[in-house]
């Protein structure tokens, strides 16, 4: 079976998505066990495949023995294997985290939730490993359809927000598919490796330009790059806590990985790509500032975190657009660090009991005395997004700043520093409420009877992610 590790990474959650509803009819506990075991299996396979790729070079796996460009190819290289490991790890932690949330649902509804979650995980893993641009589109749609259903599962306002996301997501996917059609018409192939060779031979032209623009815009919408982020605040705010924790952590990062893969591994460094990167640099700059300012204006912590993501994704796009090795290192490290930190933040907020904790910033008064470990993890993740050492966010921003200076992009460097200051303002006002404000319910004996601590199944993943933020920062030189 070791020869088939690349496909097993995707098959483990995909097969489990089909088995969970059937297993729920026999035993809800069995269904939950499968839902946790599947991402664990995918994680083991991803780590093993990544080790092979690091030792022997990229692993090209041909489905059914059909060689590309006719056959479908999976590629495990350090970049794709690393992203697959990140997605599988977060999927495993969120699957554990979701247990207490699903306990309040019927066995059938819990099984449907787990099935959709595994389908989403399978789609995201497929994006990280596929070596074919059309299959990337297929996995993009699989993950999107599952995400729509999960985001809307809390009902009420979530349904309206998700419908808006569905419309915009469909436009994004259509842009990507149309752009892919232009590249196929130009070269007659969809395999990434083969396409890179043929595009280099074909040179530029209007078809190349239109294809590049459509693909970049489509993926930018999926990433929620400013000003294409309008679908995200409501969709993430009103979704169930486990869904927001996972989607906010990895979904936009996988789209950023896809954009990096297309721009730097498939498309030639021609005028169209250079122009796209130049435009992206200024779009990213606007996103970094706008996301930080909009986050500063929020009173709901969940919306603050969402707008923070808009700004943080601006960091990633800016690193890609600068293009030098230092900036790309910072962008990739920021993808990993932000995924872990944002998963920790949303997980911490979602694990707090709703009867004692509100999402409003004022409701966090005295939270460190109600949930000290949860708030400690929240604080570490927040400090990472501010960019304080020794967290992952400090080192990723340091590399991005160095990359901007190497490119003589002094304005971009100033924007990075200004954004970090704004991040400090909106995160420290929450931290101040957590540790230094009086708990308004502490003097109410009746309220204390209704206080409950976060479940250990929810606390464990949050603390794990908080610790990972520190470890990624301390060990970043070895990653």
Protein backbone atom coordinates (compact mmCIF):
# COMPACT_ATOMS: atom_id res chain seq x y z
CA UNK A 1 0.00 0.00 0.00
CA UNK A 2 2.99 2.32 0.45
CA UNK A 3 3.14 2.65 -3.35
CA UNK A 4 -0.30 4.27 -3.31
CA UNK A 5 0.18 6.81 -0.52
CA UNK A 6 -0.60 9.86 -2.73
CA UNK A 7 -4.06 8.61 -3.67
CA UNK A 8 -4.76 7.29 -0.16
CA UNK A 9 -4.38 10.82 1.21
CA UNK A 10 -7.52 11.79 -0.72
CA UNK A 11 -9.33 8.44 -0.60
CA UNK A 12 -9.30 8.10 3.21
CA UNK A 13 -11.70 11.01 3.89
CA UNK A 14 -13.58 10.48 0.62
CA UNK A 15 -14.43 6.85 1.42
CA UNK A 16 -15.24 7.74 5.01
CA UNK A 17 -17.68 10.42 3.80
CA UNK A 18 -19.71 7.60 2.22
CA UNK A 19 -19.39 5.24 5.19
CA UNK A 20 -20.29 7.60 8.03
CA UNK A 21 -24.06 7.92 7.27
CA UNK A 22 -24.31 4.14 6.90
CA UNK A 23 -22.35 3.50 10.10
CA UNK A 24 -24.59 5.94 11.99
CA UNK A 25 -27.52 3.58 11.48
CA UNK A 26 -25.60 0.90 13.38
CA UNK A 27 -23.90 3.04 16.02
CA UNK A 28 -23.44 6.81 16.35
CA UNK A 29 -20.21 6.15 18.25
CA UNK A 30 -18.89 4.08 15.34
CA UNK A 31 -19.74 6.86 12.91
CA UNK A 32 -17.88 9.40 15.06
CA UNK A 33 -14.90 7.05 15.26
CA UNK A 34 -14.75 6.80 11.46
CA UNK A 35 -15.04 10.60 11.15
CA UNK A 36 -11.96 10.99 13.38
CA UNK A 37 -10.00 8.03 12.02
CA UNK A 38 -10.28 9.18 8.38
CA UNK A 39 -8.38 12.49 8.72
CA UNK A 40 -5.94 10.70 11.03
CA UNK A 41 -5.27 8.17 8.27
CA UNK A 42 -4.91 10.96 5.71
CA UNK A 43 -2.42 12.70 8.03
CA UNK A 44 -0.31 9.55 8.39
CA UNK A 45 -0.27 9.03 4.62
CA UNK A 46 0.56 12.71 3.99
CA UNK A 47 3.49 12.66 6.42
CA UNK A 48 4.82 9.41 4.93
CA UNK A 49 4.49 10.70 1.34
CA UNK A 50 6.14 13.99 2.30
CA UNK A 51 9.11 12.15 3.77
CA UNK A 52 9.52 10.22 0.52
CA UNK A 53 9.37 13.46 -1.48
CA UNK A 54 11.97 15.10 0.75
CA UNK A 55 14.31 12.10 0.47
CA UNK A 56 13.88 11.19 -3.22
CA UNK A 57 12.39 14.25 -4.90
CA UNK A 58 8.85 14.86 -6.21
CA UNK A 59 6.64 11.76 -6.28
CA UNK A 60 4.60 11.50 -9.49
CA UNK A 61 1.68 9.12 -9.10
CA UNK A 62 -0.29 8.13 -12.23
CA UNK A 63 -3.85 6.96 -11.59
CA UNK A 64 -4.61 3.66 -13.27
CA UNK A 65 -1.10 3.54 -14.69
CA UNK A 66 -1.98 6.08 -17.38
CA UNK A 67 0.92 8.47 -17.88
CA UNK A 68 0.21 12.17 -18.42
CA UNK A 69 -0.85 14.14 -20.34
CA UNK A 70 -3.61 11.59 -21.03
CA UNK A 71 -3.81 10.21 -17.51
CA UNK A 72 -4.54 11.94 -14.20
CA UNK A 73 -1.45 12.67 -12.15
CA UNK A 74 -0.94 13.38 -8.45
CA UNK A 75 2.30 15.06 -7.44
CA UNK A 76 3.74 15.03 -3.93
CA UNK A 77 6.57 17.54 -3.63
CA UNK A 78 7.71 19.44 -0.52
CA UNK A 79 5.22 22.25 -1.23
CA UNK A 80 2.15 20.14 -2.02
CA UNK A 81 3.00 17.49 0.58
CA UNK A 82 3.47 20.16 3.23
CA UNK A 83 0.10 21.72 2.44
CA UNK A 84 -1.59 18.30 2.48
CA UNK A 85 -0.07 17.61 5.91
CA UNK A 86 -1.33 20.97 7.19
CA UNK A 87 -4.88 20.36 5.90
CA UNK A 88 -5.01 16.81 7.29
CA UNK A 89 -3.71 17.91 10.69
CA UNK A 90 -6.26 20.69 11.03
CA UNK A 91 -9.02 18.37 9.80
CA UNK A 92 -8.13 15.86 12.52
CA UNK A 93 -8.14 18.50 15.25
CA UNK A 94 -11.45 19.98 14.09
CA UNK A 95 -13.02 16.51 13.85
CA UNK A 96 -12.17 16.01 17.53
CA UNK A 97 -13.28 19.55 18.39
CA UNK A 98 -16.68 19.03 16.76
CA UNK A 99 -17.66 16.17 19.10
CA UNK A 100 -19.39 18.23 21.83
CA UNK A 101 -21.12 20.39 19.20
CA UNK A 102 -22.55 17.32 17.46
CA UNK A 103 -23.67 15.71 20.70
CA UNK A 104 -26.65 18.08 20.79
CA UNK A 105 -27.77 16.89 17.35
CA UNK A 106 -29.54 13.71 16.31
CA UNK A 107 -27.39 10.81 15.16
CA UNK A 108 -28.49 11.28 11.55
CA UNK A 109 -27.79 15.04 11.47
CA UNK A 110 -24.42 14.50 13.13
CA UNK A 111 -23.55 11.87 10.53
CA UNK A 112 -24.51 14.21 7.67
CA UNK A 113 -22.34 16.93 9.21
CA UNK A 114 -19.37 14.55 9.48
CA UNK A 115 -19.92 13.30 5.94
CA UNK A 116 -19.88 16.84 4.53
CA UNK A 117 -16.84 17.72 6.62
CA UNK A 118 -14.94 14.71 5.26
CA UNK A 119 -15.99 15.60 1.72
CA UNK A 120 -14.65 19.12 2.27
CA UNK A 121 -11.39 17.70 3.59
CA UNK A 122 -11.06 15.37 0.61
CA UNK A 123 -11.59 18.25 -1.83
CA UNK A 124 -8.98 20.44 -0.15
CA UNK A 125 -6.45 17.59 -0.06
CA UNK A 126 -7.08 16.94 -3.75
CA UNK A 127 -6.28 20.57 -4.60
CA UNK A 128 -2.92 20.31 -2.86
CA UNK A 129 -1.89 17.12 -4.68
CA UNK A 130 -3.35 17.18 -8.17
CA UNK A 131 -1.03 17.71 -11.11
CA UNK A 132 -3.86 18.56 -13.49
CA UNK A 133 -5.53 21.98 -13.72
CA UNK A 134 -8.96 20.60 -14.59
CA UNK A 135 -8.89 18.21 -11.64
CA UNK A 136 -7.93 21.19 -9.52
CA UNK A 137 -11.22 22.76 -10.66
CA UNK A 138 -13.11 19.55 -9.81
CA UNK A 139 -11.66 19.43 -6.30
CA UNK A 140 -12.28 23.15 -5.92
CA UNK A 141 -15.96 22.57 -6.61
CA UNK A 142 -16.17 19.51 -4.36
CA UNK A 143 -14.76 21.48 -1.45
CA UNK A 144 -16.95 24.50 -2.22
CA UNK A 145 -20.21 22.51 -2.38
CA UNK A 146 -19.44 20.82 0.92
CA UNK A 147 -18.51 24.18 2.45
CA UNK A 148 -21.80 25.75 1.33
CA UNK A 149 -23.81 23.05 3.07
CA UNK A 150 -21.74 23.21 6.26
CA UNK A 151 -21.83 27.00 6.48
CA UNK A 152 -25.61 27.04 6.09
CA UNK A 153 -26.21 24.24 8.60
CA UNK A 154 -26.81 26.60 11.54
CA UNK A 155 -29.85 28.04 9.75
CA UNK A 156 -31.37 31.52 9.99
CA UNK A 157 -28.91 34.24 8.92
CA UNK A 158 -26.30 31.66 7.91
CA UNK A 159 -28.50 30.50 5.03
CA UNK A 160 -28.72 33.98 3.51
CA UNK A 161 -24.99 34.58 3.98
CA UNK A 162 -24.14 31.22 2.45
CA UNK A 163 -26.40 31.82 -0.54
CA UNK A 164 -24.46 35.01 -1.24
CA UNK A 165 -21.24 33.00 -0.93
CA UNK A 166 -22.64 30.38 -3.32
CA UNK A 167 -23.38 32.99 -6.00
CA UNK A 168 -19.98 34.64 -5.72
CA UNK A 169 -18.21 31.28 -5.46
CA UNK A 170 -19.92 30.10 -8.63
CA UNK A 171 -18.72 33.22 -10.46
CA UNK A 172 -15.18 32.58 -9.19
CA UNK A 173 -15.25 28.96 -10.35
CA UNK A 174 -16.62 30.05 -13.75
CA UNK A 175 -13.79 32.54 -14.15
CA UNK A 176 -11.23 29.85 -13.36
CA UNK A 177 -12.82 27.36 -15.75
CA UNK A 178 -13.04 29.90 -18.58
CA UNK A 179 -9.40 30.86 -18.07
CA UNK A 180 -8.46 27.21 -18.15
CA UNK A 181 -10.36 26.87 -21.43
CA UNK A 182 -8.20 29.59 -23.01
CA UNK A 183 -5.02 27.83 -21.92
CA UNK A 184 -6.32 24.50 -23.23
CA UNK A 185 -7.22 26.06 -26.57
CA UNK A 186 -3.68 27.44 -26.76
CA UNK A 187 -1.85 24.23 -25.83
CA UNK A 188 -4.22 21.25 -26.02
CA UNK A 189 -3.24 19.93 -22.57
CA UNK A 190 -4.28 20.36 -18.94
CA UNK A 191 -1.44 18.57 -17.12
CA UNK A 192 0.55 21.15 -15.16
CA UNK A 193 3.99 19.90 -16.17
CA UNK A 194 3.07 19.49 -19.82
CA UNK A 195 1.22 22.81 -19.85
CA UNK A 196 4.26 24.65 -18.48
CA UNK A 197 6.40 23.35 -21.36
CA UNK A 198 3.87 24.12 -24.09
CA UNK A 199 3.04 27.58 -22.76
CA UNK A 200 6.73 28.46 -22.74
CA UNK A 201 6.93 27.41 -26.40
CA UNK A 202 3.70 29.19 -27.37
CA UNK A 203 4.86 32.58 -26.10
CA UNK A 204 2.43 35.36 -25.17
CA UNK A 205 -0.68 36.56 -26.94
CA UNK A 206 -4.22 37.63 -26.21
CA UNK A 207 -5.38 34.10 -25.32
CA UNK A 208 -2.63 33.81 -22.74
CA UNK A 209 -3.49 37.22 -21.28
CA UNK A 210 -7.21 36.52 -20.99
CA UNK A 211 -6.57 33.08 -19.51
CA UNK A 212 -4.18 34.45 -16.88
CA UNK A 213 -6.56 37.25 -15.89
CA UNK A 214 -9.56 34.92 -15.52
CA UNK A 215 -7.66 32.34 -13.48
CA UNK A 216 -6.09 34.92 -11.18
CA UNK A 217 -9.41 36.71 -10.56
CA UNK A 218 -11.22 33.42 -9.92
CA UNK A 219 -8.68 32.24 -7.36
CA UNK A 220 -8.47 35.72 -5.79
CA UNK A 221 -12.23 35.58 -5.12
CA UNK A 222 -11.80 32.16 -3.50
CA UNK A 223 -9.03 33.64 -1.35
CA UNK A 224 -11.26 36.60 -0.35
CA UNK A 225 -8.63 39.06 -1.50
CA UNK A 226 -9.72 42.68 -1.00
CA UNK A 227 -11.95 44.02 -2.57
CA UNK A 228 -13.35 40.60 -3.53
CA UNK A 229 -13.98 39.60 0.09
CA UNK A 230 -17.62 40.69 0.47
CA UNK A 231 -18.97 37.16 0.82
CA UNK A 232 -16.80 36.19 3.78
CA UNK A 233 -17.76 38.22 6.91
CA UNK A 234 -21.37 37.05 7.22
CA UNK A 235 -20.65 33.51 6.01
CA UNK A 236 -17.99 32.93 8.67
CA UNK A 237 -19.70 34.85 11.47
CA UNK A 238 -22.96 32.88 11.48
CA UNK A 239 -21.57 29.40 10.71
CA UNK A 240 -21.26 26.67 13.36
CA UNK A 241 -18.02 27.00 15.40
CA UNK A 242 -16.31 23.83 14.06
CA UNK A 243 -17.06 24.87 10.47
CA UNK A 244 -15.67 28.37 10.91
CA UNK A 245 -12.63 27.01 12.72
CA UNK A 246 -11.72 24.73 9.80
CA UNK A 247 -12.76 26.83 6.82
CA UNK A 248 -11.21 30.05 8.14
CA UNK A 249 -8.00 28.17 8.85
CA UNK A 250 -7.41 26.33 5.59
CA UNK A 251 -9.82 27.13 2.76
CA UNK A 252 -8.37 30.46 1.67
CA UNK A 253 -4.84 29.09 2.25
CA UNK A 254 -5.43 26.22 -0.15
CA UNK A 255 -6.66 28.71 -2.75
CA UNK A 256 -3.47 30.74 -2.13
CA UNK A 257 -1.47 27.55 -2.69
CA UNK A 258 -3.31 26.98 -5.97
CA UNK A 259 -2.54 30.54 -7.09
CA UNK A 260 1.13 30.11 -6.23
CA UNK A 261 1.26 26.79 -8.05
CA UNK A 262 -0.29 28.23 -11.21
CA UNK A 263 1.72 31.47 -11.28
CA UNK A 264 5.14 30.04 -10.47
CA UNK A 265 5.02 26.41 -11.66
CA UNK A 266 2.70 26.45 -14.69
CA UNK A 267 2.56 29.87 -16.33
CA UNK A 268 5.71 31.25 -17.94
CA UNK A 269 7.21 34.48 -16.60
CA UNK A 270 5.84 36.49 -19.52
CA UNK A 271 4.29 39.94 -19.71
CA UNK A 272 0.82 38.73 -18.68
CA UNK A 273 2.09 37.05 -15.51
CA UNK A 274 4.37 39.96 -14.64
CA UNK A 275 1.48 42.39 -15.07
CA UNK A 276 -0.78 40.20 -12.94
CA UNK A 277 1.83 40.12 -10.16
CA UNK A 278 2.28 43.89 -10.33
CA UNK A 279 -1.48 44.45 -10.03
CA UNK A 280 -1.69 41.93 -7.20
CA UNK A 281 0.99 43.79 -5.25
CA UNK A 282 -1.13 46.94 -5.11
CA UNK A 283 -4.33 44.99 -4.49
CA UNK A 284 -2.58 43.22 -1.61
CA UNK A 285 -1.41 46.53 -0.19
CA UNK A 286 -4.97 47.84 -0.18
CA UNK A 287 -6.14 44.58 1.39
CA UNK A 288 -3.56 44.73 4.18
CA UNK A 289 -4.65 48.23 5.18
CA UNK A 290 -8.39 47.83 4.56
CA UNK A 291 -8.60 44.52 6.42
CA UNK A 292 -6.82 45.99 9.45
CA UNK A 293 -8.97 49.14 9.49
CA UNK A 294 -12.22 47.19 9.09
CA UNK A 295 -11.18 44.79 11.86
CA UNK A 296 -10.54 47.78 14.10
CA UNK A 297 -14.11 48.96 13.55
CA UNK A 298 -15.78 45.71 14.70
CA UNK A 299 -17.37 45.02 18.08
CA UNK A 300 -18.04 41.33 17.38
CA UNK A 301 -14.87 39.29 17.86
CA UNK A 302 -15.83 36.85 15.12
CA UNK A 303 -16.22 39.63 12.55
CA UNK A 304 -12.99 41.17 13.78
CA UNK A 305 -11.22 37.89 13.09
CA UNK A 306 -12.79 37.64 9.64
CA UNK A 307 -11.64 41.11 8.59
CA UNK A 308 -8.27 40.33 10.12
CA UNK A 309 -8.07 37.41 7.69
CA UNK A 310 -8.66 39.79 4.79
CA UNK A 311 -5.62 41.77 5.87
CA UNK A 312 -3.53 38.70 6.62
CA UNK A 313 -4.24 37.21 3.19
CA UNK A 314 -2.96 40.50 1.82
CA UNK A 315 0.40 39.60 3.37
CA UNK A 316 0.43 36.31 1.47
CA UNK A 317 -0.50 37.89 -1.86
CA UNK A 318 2.09 40.63 -1.35
CA UNK A 319 4.78 38.02 -0.74
CA UNK A 320 3.79 36.20 -3.92
CA UNK A 321 3.76 39.40 -5.96
CA UNK A 322 7.22 40.48 -4.79
CA UNK A 323 8.48 37.17 -6.12
CA UNK A 324 11.97 37.00 -4.60
CA UNK A 325 13.03 33.99 -2.53
CA UNK A 326 12.84 35.79 0.82
CA UNK A 327 9.35 37.15 0.17
CA UNK A 328 8.10 33.77 -1.04
CA UNK A 329 9.51 32.15 2.09
CA UNK A 330 7.62 34.69 4.18
CA UNK A 331 4.42 34.13 2.22
CA UNK A 332 4.56 30.35 2.63
CA UNK A 333 5.43 30.59 6.33
CA UNK A 334 2.57 33.04 6.77
CA UNK A 335 0.18 30.59 5.10
CA UNK A 336 1.12 27.94 7.67
CA UNK A 337 1.30 30.29 10.65
CA UNK A 338 -1.94 32.06 9.85
CA UNK A 339 -3.79 28.78 9.27
CA UNK A 340 -2.78 27.48 12.70
CA UNK A 341 -3.34 30.81 14.49
CA UNK A 342 -6.72 31.52 12.92
CA UNK A 343 -7.91 27.99 13.64
CA UNK A 344 -6.86 28.49 17.27
CA UNK A 345 -8.64 31.87 17.54
CA UNK A 346 -11.94 30.72 16.07
CA UNK A 347 -11.72 27.48 18.04
CA UNK A 348 -11.17 29.38 21.28
CA UNK A 349 -14.15 31.69 20.65
CA UNK A 350 -16.37 28.77 19.64
CA UNK A 351 -15.46 26.66 22.68
CA UNK A 352 -16.65 29.23 25.21
CA UNK A 353 -20.14 28.54 26.61
CA UNK A 354 -22.72 30.77 25.00
CA UNK A 355 -24.61 31.29 28.26
CA UNK A 356 -21.57 32.93 29.87
CA UNK A 357 -19.69 34.34 26.91
CA UNK A 358 -20.92 36.54 24.11
CA UNK A 359 -19.10 37.19 20.85
CA UNK A 360 -19.13 40.92 21.59
CA UNK A 361 -15.79 42.25 22.80
CA UNK A 362 -17.45 43.48 25.99
CA UNK A 363 -18.49 39.90 26.76
CA UNK A 364 -14.83 38.84 27.06
CA UNK A 365 -14.43 40.77 30.33
CA UNK A 366 -12.73 38.50 32.86
CA UNK A 367 -12.63 35.56 30.45
CA UNK A 368 -9.15 34.55 31.68
CA UNK A 369 -10.70 33.57 35.02
CA UNK A 370 -13.46 31.54 33.39
CA UNK A 371 -11.32 29.73 30.81
CA UNK A 372 -7.62 30.37 31.55
CA UNK A 373 -6.14 27.76 29.19
CA UNK A 374 -8.42 28.69 26.32
CA UNK A 375 -7.63 32.37 26.70
CA UNK A 376 -3.90 31.63 26.96
CA UNK A 377 -4.06 29.87 23.57
CA UNK A 378 -6.16 32.75 22.18
CA UNK A 379 -3.55 35.25 23.36
CA UNK A 380 -0.63 33.37 21.82
CA UNK A 381 -2.43 33.15 18.46
CA UNK A 382 -3.37 36.83 18.62
CA UNK A 383 0.24 37.81 19.34
CA UNK A 384 1.30 35.78 16.31
CA UNK A 385 -1.01 37.76 14.03
CA UNK A 386 0.31 40.98 15.57
CA UNK A 387 3.82 39.76 14.78
CA UNK A 388 5.52 39.47 18.17
CA UNK A 389 8.39 37.00 18.75
CA UNK A 390 8.82 34.08 19.12
CA UNK A 391 5.54 33.27 17.36
CA UNK A 392 5.21 32.13 13.75
CA UNK A 393 3.73 35.47 12.69
CA UNK A 394 6.85 37.38 13.73
CA UNK A 395 9.14 35.36 11.50
CA UNK A 396 6.81 35.30 8.50
CA UNK A 397 6.41 39.08 8.69
CA UNK A 398 10.17 39.45 9.14
CA UNK A 399 10.81 37.53 5.92
CA UNK A 400 8.15 39.54 4.11
CA UNK A 401 9.72 42.78 5.32
CA UNK A 402 13.15 41.62 4.20
CA UNK A 403 11.74 40.61 0.83
CA UNK A 404 10.16 44.03 0.38
CA UNK A 405 13.45 45.75 1.22
CA UNK A 406 15.37 43.46 -1.17
CA UNK A 407 12.95 44.51 -3.92
CA UNK A 408 13.38 48.19 -2.93
CA UNK A 409 9.64 48.27 -2.24
CA UNK A 410 9.86 50.74 0.64
CA UNK A 411 6.18 51.64 0.48
CA UNK A 412 5.19 48.01 0.86
CA UNK A 413 7.53 47.67 3.83
CA UNK A 414 5.93 50.70 5.49
CA UNK A 415 2.45 49.21 4.90
CA UNK A 416 3.51 45.95 6.56
CA UNK A 417 4.69 47.83 9.65
CA UNK A 418 1.58 49.99 9.79
CA UNK A 419 -0.68 46.96 9.51
CA UNK A 420 1.11 45.27 12.40
CA UNK A 421 0.48 48.34 14.55
CA UNK A 422 -3.22 48.29 13.64
CA UNK A 423 -3.34 44.56 14.43
CA UNK A 424 -1.84 45.30 17.84
CA UNK A 425 -4.58 47.85 18.52
CA UNK A 426 -7.57 45.63 17.72
CA UNK A 427 -6.15 42.49 19.35
CA UNK A 428 -4.85 44.20 22.48
CA UNK A 429 -8.24 45.75 23.20
CA UNK A 430 -9.64 42.20 23.38
CA UNK A 431 -6.69 40.94 25.43
CA UNK A 432 -7.15 43.86 27.81
CA UNK A 433 -10.77 42.82 28.38
CA UNK A 434 -9.75 39.20 28.88
CA UNK A 435 -7.13 39.81 31.57
CA UNK A 436 -7.74 43.21 33.15
CA UNK A 437 -11.50 43.88 33.05
CA UNK A 438 -13.81 42.76 35.84
CA UNK A 439 -16.15 39.89 35.14
CA UNK A 440 -19.66 41.41 35.34
CA UNK A 441 -21.19 38.05 36.24
CA UNK A 442 -18.77 37.22 39.04
CA UNK A 443 -20.93 38.93 41.67
CA UNK A 444 -24.09 37.14 40.53
CA UNK A 445 -24.46 33.83 42.44
CA UNK A 446 -27.24 32.73 40.11
CA UNK A 447 -25.11 33.21 37.02
CA UNK A 448 -22.24 31.18 38.51
CA UNK A 449 -24.46 28.13 38.74
CA UNK A 450 -24.83 28.15 34.97
CA UNK A 451 -21.12 28.53 34.21
CA UNK A 452 -19.51 25.57 32.55
CA UNK A 453 -15.92 25.06 31.49
CA UNK A 454 -15.06 24.35 27.84
CA UNK A 455 -15.17 20.66 27.03
CA UNK A 456 -11.80 18.90 27.06
CA UNK A 457 -12.49 17.67 23.52
CA UNK A 458 -12.71 21.28 22.42
CA UNK A 459 -9.95 22.52 24.70
CA UNK A 460 -7.39 19.97 23.49
CA UNK A 461 -7.34 21.04 19.81
CA UNK A 462 -7.28 24.73 20.78
CA UNK A 463 -4.28 24.29 23.08
CA UNK A 464 -2.55 22.12 20.48
CA UNK A 465 -2.91 24.87 17.87
CA UNK A 466 -1.74 27.50 20.35
CA UNK A 467 1.38 25.44 21.07
CA UNK A 468 1.91 24.91 17.33
CA UNK A 469 2.00 28.69 16.79
CA UNK A 470 4.99 28.87 19.13
CA UNK A 471 6.71 25.76 17.75
CA UNK A 472 6.42 26.92 14.13
CA UNK A 473 8.01 30.21 15.11
CA UNK A 474 10.82 28.69 17.16
CA UNK A 475 11.59 25.95 14.61
CA UNK A 476 10.94 28.00 11.47
CA UNK A 477 14.56 27.69 10.33
CA UNK A 478 14.17 23.91 10.07
CA UNK A 479 10.84 23.91 8.20
